[in-house]
């Protein structure tokens, strides 16, 4: 997905829900802070999105713009209507979002996660599918391990879950280095 495609999804989500502000979580939220990232970050054809003030309308987005919809068949990318509970995020994440708003969004607003918050949400999820993405974030210098490790205490997780997240981050740093990336200390 490209930044232009994300802008289209924000605009289309506004038309479907009659809402003005949206939150984008998941990997494609990276297109807010980094409009033209390396190809490894744009491989997904979907953006996870929900209306900020009416998350219950995410089902409308899913129905009209979701996987297998006419929109998806026409454009080759789609929106996945999600909710605020989809991503586990550090305290204060909303203060760090990157605003996407322009003529292409029909002046609707898409709030995209800061790259570090995106990384932390993937670390908290602990899914195998996020490993390569997070290693690439580390390897391309978008995330500094020390900052990520310091942010773990701000995650709404219990002690055992926080230990698991720290261990995942350390494993990803080692794996990224083993893959030839130059990763900052952390």
N, C-alpha and C. Protein backbone atom coordinates (compact mmCIF):
# COMPACT_ATOMS: atom_id res chain seq x y z
N UNK A 1 0.84 -1.18 0.00
CA UNK A 1 0.00 0.00 0.00
C UNK A 1 0.89 1.24 0.00
N UNK A 2 0.46 2.24 -0.73
CA UNK A 2 1.18 3.51 -0.78
C UNK A 2 0.46 4.55 0.08
N UNK A 3 1.13 5.66 0.28
CA UNK A 3 0.51 6.76 1.05
C UNK A 3 -0.75 7.25 0.34
N UNK A 4 -0.70 7.34 -0.98
CA UNK A 4 -1.87 7.79 -1.75
C UNK A 4 -3.04 6.83 -1.57
N UNK A 5 -2.76 5.54 -1.54
CA UNK A 5 -3.82 4.56 -1.33
C UNK A 5 -4.40 4.68 0.08
N UNK A 6 -3.55 4.91 1.06
CA UNK A 6 -4.04 5.13 2.42
C UNK A 6 -4.93 6.37 2.48
N UNK A 7 -4.53 7.43 1.82
CA UNK A 7 -5.35 8.65 1.77
C UNK A 7 -6.71 8.36 1.15
N UNK A 8 -6.72 7.53 0.11
CA UNK A 8 -7.98 7.13 -0.52
C UNK A 8 -8.87 6.38 0.46
N UNK A 9 -8.28 5.47 1.24
CA UNK A 9 -9.05 4.72 2.22
C UNK A 9 -9.62 5.62 3.31
N UNK A 10 -8.86 6.63 3.72
CA UNK A 10 -9.37 7.59 4.71
C UNK A 10 -10.58 8.32 4.14
N UNK A 11 -10.44 8.80 2.91
CA UNK A 11 -11.54 9.52 2.25
C UNK A 11 -12.77 8.61 2.11
N UNK A 12 -12.55 7.39 1.63
CA UNK A 12 -13.66 6.45 1.42
C UNK A 12 -14.31 6.07 2.76
N UNK A 13 -13.51 5.92 3.80
CA UNK A 13 -14.06 5.61 5.13
C UNK A 13 -14.95 6.74 5.62
N UNK A 14 -14.55 7.97 5.32
CA UNK A 14 -15.37 9.13 5.67
C UNK A 14 -16.70 9.12 4.94
N UNK A 15 -16.65 8.76 3.66
CA UNK A 15 -17.89 8.72 2.87
C UNK A 15 -18.83 7.63 3.37
N UNK A 16 -18.27 6.50 3.75
CA UNK A 16 -19.08 5.35 4.20
C UNK A 16 -19.70 5.60 5.57
N UNK A 17 -18.97 6.26 6.45
CA UNK A 17 -19.43 6.41 7.84
C UNK A 17 -19.94 7.80 8.19
N UNK A 18 -19.69 8.77 7.33
CA UNK A 18 -20.00 10.17 7.60
C UNK A 18 -19.26 10.67 8.85
N UNK A 19 -18.08 10.12 9.07
CA UNK A 19 -17.22 10.55 10.18
C UNK A 19 -16.06 11.38 9.62
N UNK A 20 -15.40 12.10 10.51
CA UNK A 20 -14.36 13.03 10.11
C UNK A 20 -12.96 12.57 10.49
N UNK A 21 -12.83 11.88 11.64
CA UNK A 21 -11.52 11.47 12.13
C UNK A 21 -11.44 9.96 12.27
N UNK A 22 -10.29 9.42 11.86
CA UNK A 22 -10.06 7.97 11.87
C UNK A 22 -8.71 7.66 12.48
N UNK A 23 -8.61 6.50 13.08
CA UNK A 23 -7.34 6.02 13.61
C UNK A 23 -6.91 4.84 12.76
N UNK A 24 -5.66 4.88 12.33
CA UNK A 24 -5.08 3.79 11.55
C UNK A 24 -4.07 3.09 12.44
N UNK A 25 -4.27 1.81 12.68
CA UNK A 25 -3.34 0.99 13.45
C UNK A 25 -2.79 -0.07 12.51
N UNK A 26 -1.89 -0.89 12.98
CA UNK A 26 -1.33 -1.92 12.11
C UNK A 26 -0.23 -1.35 11.23
N UNK A 27 0.36 -2.22 10.45
CA UNK A 27 1.57 -1.88 9.71
C UNK A 27 1.44 -0.66 8.80
N UNK A 28 0.29 -0.48 8.19
CA UNK A 28 0.17 0.63 7.24
C UNK A 28 0.03 2.00 7.91
N UNK A 29 -0.09 2.01 9.23
CA UNK A 29 -0.06 3.30 9.93
C UNK A 29 1.31 3.96 9.77
N UNK A 30 2.29 3.17 9.39
CA UNK A 30 3.63 3.71 9.15
C UNK A 30 3.64 4.78 8.06
N UNK A 31 2.66 4.71 7.17
CA UNK A 31 2.60 5.66 6.04
C UNK A 31 2.28 7.08 6.49
N UNK A 32 1.89 7.27 7.74
CA UNK A 32 1.71 8.62 8.27
C UNK A 32 3.04 9.29 8.54
N UNK A 33 3.85 8.71 9.44
CA UNK A 33 5.14 9.33 9.74
C UNK A 33 6.18 9.16 8.64
N UNK A 34 6.04 8.11 7.81
CA UNK A 34 7.01 7.84 6.75
C UNK A 34 6.24 7.66 5.44
N UNK A 35 5.96 8.75 4.72
CA UNK A 35 5.10 8.67 3.53
C UNK A 35 5.64 7.78 2.40
N UNK A 36 6.95 7.65 2.30
CA UNK A 36 7.55 6.84 1.23
C UNK A 36 8.58 5.87 1.79
N UNK A 37 8.13 4.87 2.55
CA UNK A 37 9.07 3.93 3.16
C UNK A 37 9.62 2.92 2.15
N UNK A 38 10.61 2.19 2.57
CA UNK A 38 11.16 1.12 1.77
C UNK A 38 10.07 0.10 1.44
N UNK A 39 10.26 -0.64 0.35
CA UNK A 39 9.24 -1.57 -0.16
C UNK A 39 8.82 -2.62 0.88
N UNK A 40 9.71 -3.03 1.76
CA UNK A 40 9.38 -4.04 2.76
C UNK A 40 8.21 -3.60 3.64
N UNK A 41 7.99 -2.29 3.75
CA UNK A 41 6.94 -1.77 4.62
C UNK A 41 5.62 -1.51 3.88
N UNK A 42 5.59 -1.70 2.58
CA UNK A 42 4.37 -1.38 1.82
C UNK A 42 3.76 -2.61 1.16
N UNK A 43 4.12 -3.78 1.63
CA UNK A 43 3.67 -5.01 0.99
C UNK A 43 2.22 -5.37 1.30
N UNK A 44 1.69 -4.86 2.38
CA UNK A 44 0.32 -5.18 2.76
C UNK A 44 -0.67 -4.46 1.86
N UNK A 45 -1.78 -5.12 1.56
CA UNK A 45 -2.84 -4.53 0.75
C UNK A 45 -3.98 -3.99 1.61
N UNK A 46 -3.81 -4.00 2.93
CA UNK A 46 -4.90 -3.58 3.81
C UNK A 46 -4.43 -2.58 4.85
N UNK A 47 -5.35 -1.75 5.27
CA UNK A 47 -5.11 -0.82 6.37
C UNK A 47 -6.18 -1.07 7.43
N UNK A 48 -5.74 -1.17 8.68
CA UNK A 48 -6.66 -1.34 9.81
C UNK A 48 -7.10 0.04 10.28
N UNK A 49 -8.40 0.28 10.28
CA UNK A 49 -8.91 1.64 10.52
C UNK A 49 -10.22 1.60 11.30
N UNK A 50 -10.42 2.64 12.13
CA UNK A 50 -11.70 2.79 12.80
C UNK A 50 -11.99 4.28 13.00
N UNK A 51 -13.28 4.65 13.02
CA UNK A 51 -13.64 6.04 13.30
C UNK A 51 -13.32 6.39 14.75
N UNK A 52 -12.62 7.48 14.95
CA UNK A 52 -12.17 7.86 16.30
C UNK A 52 -13.34 8.01 17.27
N UNK A 53 -14.39 8.70 16.86
CA UNK A 53 -15.49 9.00 17.77
C UNK A 53 -16.68 8.05 17.65
N UNK A 54 -16.60 7.11 16.73
CA UNK A 54 -17.70 6.14 16.57
C UNK A 54 -17.12 4.80 16.11
N UNK A 55 -16.28 4.17 16.95
CA UNK A 55 -15.63 2.94 16.52
C UNK A 55 -16.60 1.82 16.13
N UNK A 56 -17.82 1.93 16.64
CA UNK A 56 -18.83 0.91 16.28
C UNK A 56 -19.16 0.93 14.79
N UNK A 57 -18.81 2.01 14.10
CA UNK A 57 -19.06 2.10 12.66
C UNK A 57 -17.99 1.40 11.82
N UNK A 58 -17.01 0.79 12.48
CA UNK A 58 -15.97 0.06 11.75
C UNK A 58 -16.58 -1.05 10.89
N UNK A 59 -17.70 -1.61 11.33
CA UNK A 59 -18.37 -2.65 10.54
C UNK A 59 -18.81 -2.11 9.19
N UNK A 60 -19.22 -0.86 9.13
CA UNK A 60 -19.61 -0.25 7.85
C UNK A 60 -18.40 -0.16 6.91
N UNK A 61 -17.24 0.19 7.49
CA UNK A 61 -16.02 0.25 6.69
C UNK A 61 -15.69 -1.13 6.17
N UNK A 62 -15.75 -2.11 7.04
CA UNK A 62 -15.45 -3.49 6.65
C UNK A 62 -16.37 -3.95 5.52
N UNK A 63 -17.66 -3.65 5.65
CA UNK A 63 -18.62 -4.10 4.64
C UNK A 63 -18.41 -3.43 3.29
N UNK A 64 -18.15 -2.14 3.28
CA UNK A 64 -18.05 -1.41 2.02
C UNK A 64 -16.65 -1.42 1.41
N UNK A 65 -15.63 -1.47 2.26
CA UNK A 65 -14.26 -1.31 1.78
C UNK A 65 -13.37 -2.50 2.11
N UNK A 66 -13.93 -3.55 2.72
CA UNK A 66 -13.14 -4.66 3.22
C UNK A 66 -12.71 -5.66 2.17
N UNK A 67 -12.02 -6.67 2.65
CA UNK A 67 -11.50 -7.71 1.78
C UNK A 67 -12.64 -8.37 1.00
N UNK A 68 -12.46 -8.50 -0.30
CA UNK A 68 -13.46 -9.11 -1.16
C UNK A 68 -14.57 -8.18 -1.61
N UNK A 69 -14.57 -6.93 -1.13
CA UNK A 69 -15.60 -5.96 -1.51
C UNK A 69 -15.37 -5.48 -2.94
N UNK A 70 -16.36 -4.80 -3.48
CA UNK A 70 -16.22 -4.19 -4.81
C UNK A 70 -15.05 -3.20 -4.80
N UNK A 71 -14.90 -2.48 -3.72
CA UNK A 71 -13.78 -1.53 -3.58
C UNK A 71 -12.45 -2.28 -3.72
N UNK A 72 -12.31 -3.38 -3.00
CA UNK A 72 -11.08 -4.18 -3.05
C UNK A 72 -10.84 -4.69 -4.46
N UNK A 73 -11.86 -5.22 -5.08
CA UNK A 73 -11.72 -5.75 -6.43
C UNK A 73 -11.34 -4.66 -7.42
N UNK A 74 -11.87 -3.45 -7.22
CA UNK A 74 -11.59 -2.34 -8.12
C UNK A 74 -10.18 -1.80 -7.95
N UNK A 75 -9.75 -1.61 -6.70
CA UNK A 75 -8.49 -0.91 -6.45
C UNK A 75 -7.32 -1.81 -6.05
N UNK A 76 -7.59 -3.02 -5.60
CA UNK A 76 -6.51 -3.94 -5.23
C UNK A 76 -6.01 -3.75 -3.80
N UNK A 77 -6.63 -2.89 -3.04
CA UNK A 77 -6.31 -2.71 -1.62
C UNK A 77 -7.62 -2.50 -0.89
N UNK A 78 -7.58 -2.60 0.43
CA UNK A 78 -8.84 -2.55 1.18
C UNK A 78 -8.61 -2.08 2.61
N UNK A 79 -9.72 -1.77 3.27
CA UNK A 79 -9.71 -1.37 4.67
C UNK A 79 -10.25 -2.51 5.51
N UNK A 80 -9.62 -2.72 6.65
CA UNK A 80 -10.16 -3.67 7.61
C UNK A 80 -10.70 -2.83 8.76
N UNK A 81 -12.00 -2.88 8.95
CA UNK A 81 -12.62 -2.16 10.05
C UNK A 81 -12.29 -2.85 11.36
N UNK A 82 -11.61 -2.15 12.24
CA UNK A 82 -11.18 -2.71 13.53
C UNK A 82 -11.71 -1.82 14.65
N UNK A 83 -11.32 -2.10 15.86
CA UNK A 83 -11.72 -1.27 16.99
C UNK A 83 -10.53 -0.82 17.79
N UNK A 84 -10.75 0.06 18.76
CA UNK A 84 -9.66 0.57 19.58
C UNK A 84 -8.93 -0.54 20.35
N UNK A 85 -9.60 -1.65 20.59
CA UNK A 85 -8.99 -2.75 21.33
C UNK A 85 -8.04 -3.59 20.48
N UNK A 86 -8.01 -3.34 19.19
CA UNK A 86 -7.20 -4.14 18.27
C UNK A 86 -5.71 -4.07 18.59
N UNK A 87 -5.22 -2.90 18.90
CA UNK A 87 -3.79 -2.72 19.17
C UNK A 87 -3.57 -2.36 20.64
N UNK A 88 -2.67 -3.06 21.28
CA UNK A 88 -2.24 -2.72 22.63
C UNK A 88 -1.14 -1.68 22.48
N UNK A 89 -1.38 -0.50 23.03
CA UNK A 89 -0.48 0.64 22.79
C UNK A 89 0.01 1.25 24.10
N UNK A 90 1.20 1.88 24.05
CA UNK A 90 1.72 2.53 25.25
C UNK A 90 0.87 3.72 25.66
N UNK A 91 0.91 4.03 26.94
CA UNK A 91 0.24 5.22 27.47
C UNK A 91 0.73 6.44 26.68
N UNK A 92 -0.20 7.31 26.31
CA UNK A 92 0.16 8.55 25.63
C UNK A 92 0.31 8.44 24.12
N UNK A 93 -0.03 7.30 23.55
CA UNK A 93 0.18 7.10 22.11
C UNK A 93 -0.56 8.13 21.27
N UNK A 94 -1.73 8.54 21.71
CA UNK A 94 -2.53 9.47 20.90
C UNK A 94 -1.84 10.84 20.78
N UNK A 95 -0.99 11.17 21.73
CA UNK A 95 -0.25 12.44 21.65
C UNK A 95 0.87 12.38 20.63
N UNK A 96 1.21 11.17 20.17
CA UNK A 96 2.33 11.00 19.24
C UNK A 96 1.90 10.64 17.82
N UNK A 97 0.59 10.59 17.56
CA UNK A 97 0.13 10.19 16.23
C UNK A 97 0.57 11.21 15.17
N UNK A 98 0.57 10.76 13.94
CA UNK A 98 0.90 11.60 12.80
C UNK A 98 -0.37 11.81 11.99
N UNK A 99 -0.71 13.04 11.79
CA UNK A 99 -1.96 13.43 11.14
C UNK A 99 -1.79 13.37 9.62
N UNK A 100 -2.70 12.66 8.96
CA UNK A 100 -2.76 12.64 7.49
C UNK A 100 -4.07 13.31 7.12
N UNK A 101 -3.97 14.48 6.53
CA UNK A 101 -5.15 15.25 6.14
C UNK A 101 -4.76 16.15 4.98
N UNK A 102 -5.47 16.03 3.87
CA UNK A 102 -5.20 16.86 2.70
C UNK A 102 -6.38 16.74 1.72
N UNK A 103 -6.21 17.29 0.56
CA UNK A 103 -7.29 17.24 -0.44
C UNK A 103 -7.62 15.80 -0.82
N UNK A 104 -6.60 14.92 -0.84
CA UNK A 104 -6.83 13.52 -1.20
C UNK A 104 -7.67 12.77 -0.16
N UNK A 105 -7.68 13.26 1.07
CA UNK A 105 -8.51 12.63 2.11
C UNK A 105 -9.86 13.35 2.20
N UNK A 106 -10.09 14.31 1.30
CA UNK A 106 -11.27 15.16 1.35
C UNK A 106 -11.34 15.87 2.71
N UNK A 107 -10.16 16.24 3.18
CA UNK A 107 -9.97 16.90 4.47
C UNK A 107 -10.39 16.08 5.68
N UNK A 108 -10.68 14.80 5.48
CA UNK A 108 -10.88 13.90 6.62
C UNK A 108 -9.51 13.69 7.24
N UNK A 109 -9.48 13.28 8.50
CA UNK A 109 -8.23 13.12 9.22
C UNK A 109 -7.97 11.65 9.51
N UNK A 110 -6.78 11.21 9.19
CA UNK A 110 -6.32 9.88 9.57
C UNK A 110 -5.19 10.04 10.56
N UNK A 111 -5.34 9.50 11.75
CA UNK A 111 -4.29 9.54 12.76
C UNK A 111 -3.51 8.23 12.68
N UNK A 112 -2.27 8.32 12.26
CA UNK A 112 -1.41 7.15 12.11
C UNK A 112 -0.47 7.05 13.30
N UNK A 113 -0.27 5.84 13.77
CA UNK A 113 0.62 5.62 14.92
C UNK A 113 2.03 6.10 14.63
N UNK A 114 2.69 6.60 15.65
CA UNK A 114 4.11 6.85 15.56
C UNK A 114 4.79 5.49 15.36
N UNK A 115 5.91 5.47 14.66
CA UNK A 115 6.57 4.20 14.33
C UNK A 115 6.94 3.42 15.59
N UNK A 116 7.40 4.10 16.63
CA UNK A 116 7.75 3.40 17.86
C UNK A 116 6.51 2.77 18.51
N UNK A 117 5.39 3.48 18.50
CA UNK A 117 4.15 2.91 19.05
C UNK A 117 3.68 1.73 18.21
N UNK A 118 3.81 1.82 16.90
CA UNK A 118 3.48 0.70 16.02
C UNK A 118 4.34 -0.52 16.38
N UNK A 119 5.63 -0.30 16.51
CA UNK A 119 6.55 -1.38 16.89
C UNK A 119 6.12 -2.02 18.21
N UNK A 120 5.79 -1.17 19.19
CA UNK A 120 5.40 -1.68 20.51
C UNK A 120 4.11 -2.49 20.43
N UNK A 121 3.16 -2.06 19.60
CA UNK A 121 1.91 -2.81 19.48
C UNK A 121 2.17 -4.19 18.88
N UNK A 122 3.09 -4.26 17.93
CA UNK A 122 3.43 -5.55 17.32
C UNK A 122 4.19 -6.43 18.31
N UNK A 123 5.05 -5.82 19.11
CA UNK A 123 5.76 -6.58 20.14
C UNK A 123 4.78 -7.15 21.16
N UNK A 124 3.79 -6.37 21.54
CA UNK A 124 2.78 -6.83 22.50
C UNK A 124 1.93 -7.95 21.91
N UNK A 125 1.64 -7.86 20.61
CA UNK A 125 0.82 -8.89 19.97
C UNK A 125 1.56 -10.23 19.93
N UNK A 126 2.87 -10.17 19.75
CA UNK A 126 3.68 -11.38 19.79
C UNK A 126 3.40 -12.40 18.70
N UNK A 127 2.98 -11.94 17.53
CA UNK A 127 2.67 -12.86 16.43
C UNK A 127 3.92 -13.10 15.57
N UNK A 128 4.07 -14.31 15.09
CA UNK A 128 5.19 -14.64 14.23
C UNK A 128 5.23 -13.76 12.98
N UNK A 129 4.05 -13.42 12.46
CA UNK A 129 3.99 -12.65 11.22
C UNK A 129 4.56 -11.24 11.37
N UNK A 130 4.68 -10.75 12.60
CA UNK A 130 5.20 -9.40 12.83
C UNK A 130 6.72 -9.35 12.97
N UNK A 131 7.34 -10.49 13.11
CA UNK A 131 8.79 -10.56 13.37
C UNK A 131 9.60 -9.86 12.27
N UNK A 132 9.38 -10.23 11.02
CA UNK A 132 10.15 -9.65 9.91
C UNK A 132 9.93 -8.14 9.80
N UNK A 133 8.69 -7.72 9.98
CA UNK A 133 8.36 -6.29 9.91
C UNK A 133 9.11 -5.52 10.99
N UNK A 134 9.10 -6.05 12.20
CA UNK A 134 9.77 -5.37 13.32
C UNK A 134 11.29 -5.40 13.16
N UNK A 135 11.82 -6.49 12.65
CA UNK A 135 13.26 -6.54 12.38
C UNK A 135 13.64 -5.49 11.34
N UNK A 136 12.79 -5.31 10.34
CA UNK A 136 13.06 -4.29 9.32
C UNK A 136 12.98 -2.88 9.92
N UNK A 137 12.02 -2.66 10.83
CA UNK A 137 11.95 -1.35 11.50
C UNK A 137 13.25 -1.06 12.23
N UNK A 138 13.78 -2.07 12.92
CA UNK A 138 15.05 -1.92 13.62
C UNK A 138 16.19 -1.73 12.61
N UNK A 139 16.23 -2.56 11.59
CA UNK A 139 17.32 -2.55 10.63
C UNK A 139 17.41 -1.29 9.79
N UNK A 140 16.28 -0.68 9.53
CA UNK A 140 16.26 0.56 8.73
C UNK A 140 16.37 1.81 9.61
N UNK A 141 16.53 1.59 10.90
CA UNK A 141 16.76 2.71 11.81
C UNK A 141 15.51 3.48 12.24
N UNK A 142 14.33 2.92 11.98
CA UNK A 142 13.10 3.60 12.39
C UNK A 142 12.84 3.45 13.89
N UNK A 143 13.40 2.41 14.48
CA UNK A 143 13.20 2.15 15.91
C UNK A 143 14.56 1.89 16.55
N UNK A 144 14.82 2.59 17.63
CA UNK A 144 16.03 2.36 18.42
C UNK A 144 15.67 1.41 19.56
N UNK A 145 16.41 0.31 19.68
CA UNK A 145 16.09 -0.67 20.72
C UNK A 145 15.98 -0.08 22.13
N UNK A 146 16.88 0.83 22.48
CA UNK A 146 16.84 1.40 23.84
C UNK A 146 15.54 2.14 24.10
N UNK A 147 15.06 2.87 23.11
CA UNK A 147 13.79 3.60 23.27
C UNK A 147 12.62 2.63 23.41
N UNK A 148 12.65 1.56 22.61
CA UNK A 148 11.58 0.55 22.69
C UNK A 148 11.59 -0.13 24.06
N UNK A 149 12.76 -0.52 24.51
CA UNK A 149 12.84 -1.19 25.81
C UNK A 149 12.39 -0.27 26.94
N UNK A 150 12.72 1.01 26.83
CA UNK A 150 12.31 1.97 27.86
C UNK A 150 10.79 2.18 27.87
N UNK A 151 10.14 2.00 26.73
CA UNK A 151 8.71 2.24 26.61
C UNK A 151 7.87 1.07 27.13
N UNK A 152 8.49 -0.08 27.33
CA UNK A 152 7.74 -1.26 27.78
C UNK A 152 6.97 -0.97 29.06
N UNK A 153 7.54 -0.19 29.98
CA UNK A 153 6.86 0.10 31.25
C UNK A 153 5.56 0.88 31.05
N UNK A 154 5.42 1.54 29.90
CA UNK A 154 4.21 2.30 29.60
C UNK A 154 3.14 1.47 28.88
N UNK A 155 3.42 0.20 28.68
CA UNK A 155 2.45 -0.68 28.03
C UNK A 155 1.46 -1.19 29.08
N UNK A 156 0.17 -1.25 28.74
CA UNK A 156 -0.84 -1.74 29.68
C UNK A 156 -0.81 -3.28 29.78
N UNK A 157 0.32 -3.78 30.28
CA UNK A 157 0.55 -5.22 30.38
C UNK A 157 1.02 -5.55 31.79
N UNK A 158 0.78 -6.78 32.23
CA UNK A 158 1.28 -7.19 33.53
C UNK A 158 2.78 -7.48 33.44
N UNK A 159 3.39 -7.75 34.58
CA UNK A 159 4.85 -7.94 34.63
C UNK A 159 5.32 -9.06 33.70
N UNK A 160 4.63 -10.18 33.72
CA UNK A 160 5.03 -11.31 32.87
C UNK A 160 4.94 -10.94 31.39
N UNK A 161 3.89 -10.23 31.00
CA UNK A 161 3.74 -9.81 29.61
C UNK A 161 4.82 -8.80 29.23
N UNK A 162 5.16 -7.91 30.15
CA UNK A 162 6.22 -6.95 29.87
C UNK A 162 7.56 -7.65 29.70
N UNK A 163 7.82 -8.67 30.50
CA UNK A 163 9.06 -9.45 30.33
C UNK A 163 9.09 -10.13 28.96
N UNK A 164 7.95 -10.66 28.55
CA UNK A 164 7.87 -11.31 27.23
C UNK A 164 8.14 -10.30 26.11
N UNK A 165 7.59 -9.10 26.24
CA UNK A 165 7.81 -8.07 25.22
C UNK A 165 9.29 -7.68 25.17
N UNK A 166 9.91 -7.49 26.33
CA UNK A 166 11.35 -7.17 26.36
C UNK A 166 12.17 -8.27 25.69
N UNK A 167 11.83 -9.51 25.99
CA UNK A 167 12.56 -10.65 25.41
C UNK A 167 12.38 -10.68 23.89
N UNK A 168 11.18 -10.39 23.42
CA UNK A 168 10.94 -10.35 21.97
C UNK A 168 11.78 -9.28 21.31
N UNK A 169 11.80 -8.11 21.91
CA UNK A 169 12.58 -7.00 21.33
C UNK A 169 14.05 -7.40 21.25
N UNK A 170 14.57 -7.97 22.31
CA UNK A 170 15.99 -8.38 22.31
C UNK A 170 16.26 -9.45 21.26
N UNK A 171 15.34 -10.40 21.10
CA UNK A 171 15.49 -11.44 20.06
C UNK A 171 15.49 -10.81 18.68
N UNK A 172 14.57 -9.85 18.45
CA UNK A 172 14.48 -9.21 17.14
C UNK A 172 15.74 -8.41 16.83
N UNK A 173 16.29 -7.75 17.86
CA UNK A 173 17.54 -7.00 17.66
C UNK A 173 18.65 -7.96 17.23
N UNK A 174 18.79 -9.07 17.94
CA UNK A 174 19.82 -10.05 17.61
C UNK A 174 19.59 -10.62 16.21
N UNK A 175 18.35 -10.97 15.90
CA UNK A 175 18.05 -11.54 14.59
C UNK A 175 18.32 -10.54 13.47
N UNK A 176 17.99 -9.28 13.71
CA UNK A 176 18.24 -8.24 12.69
C UNK A 176 19.74 -8.08 12.46
N UNK A 177 20.50 -8.08 13.53
CA UNK A 177 21.96 -8.01 13.40
C UNK A 177 22.50 -9.24 12.67
N UNK A 178 21.99 -10.41 13.03
CA UNK A 178 22.42 -11.64 12.38
C UNK A 178 22.08 -11.64 10.89
N UNK A 179 21.02 -10.91 10.52
CA UNK A 179 20.61 -10.80 9.12
C UNK A 179 21.41 -9.75 8.36
N UNK A 180 22.34 -9.09 9.07
CA UNK A 180 23.20 -8.12 8.39
C UNK A 180 22.81 -6.66 8.58
N UNK A 181 21.76 -6.41 9.32
CA UNK A 181 21.37 -5.01 9.59
C UNK A 181 22.31 -4.41 10.63
N UNK A 182 22.55 -3.14 10.51
CA UNK A 182 23.26 -2.41 11.56
C UNK A 182 22.20 -1.81 12.47
N UNK A 183 22.10 -2.35 13.66
CA UNK A 183 21.08 -1.93 14.62
C UNK A 183 21.78 -1.24 15.78
N UNK A 184 21.23 -0.11 16.19
CA UNK A 184 21.78 0.63 17.32
C UNK A 184 21.78 -0.26 18.56
N UNK A 185 22.62 0.09 19.51
CA UNK A 185 22.67 -0.66 20.77
C UNK A 185 21.37 -0.49 21.53
N UNK A 186 21.06 -1.48 22.34
CA UNK A 186 19.86 -1.36 23.14
C UNK A 186 19.59 -2.58 23.89
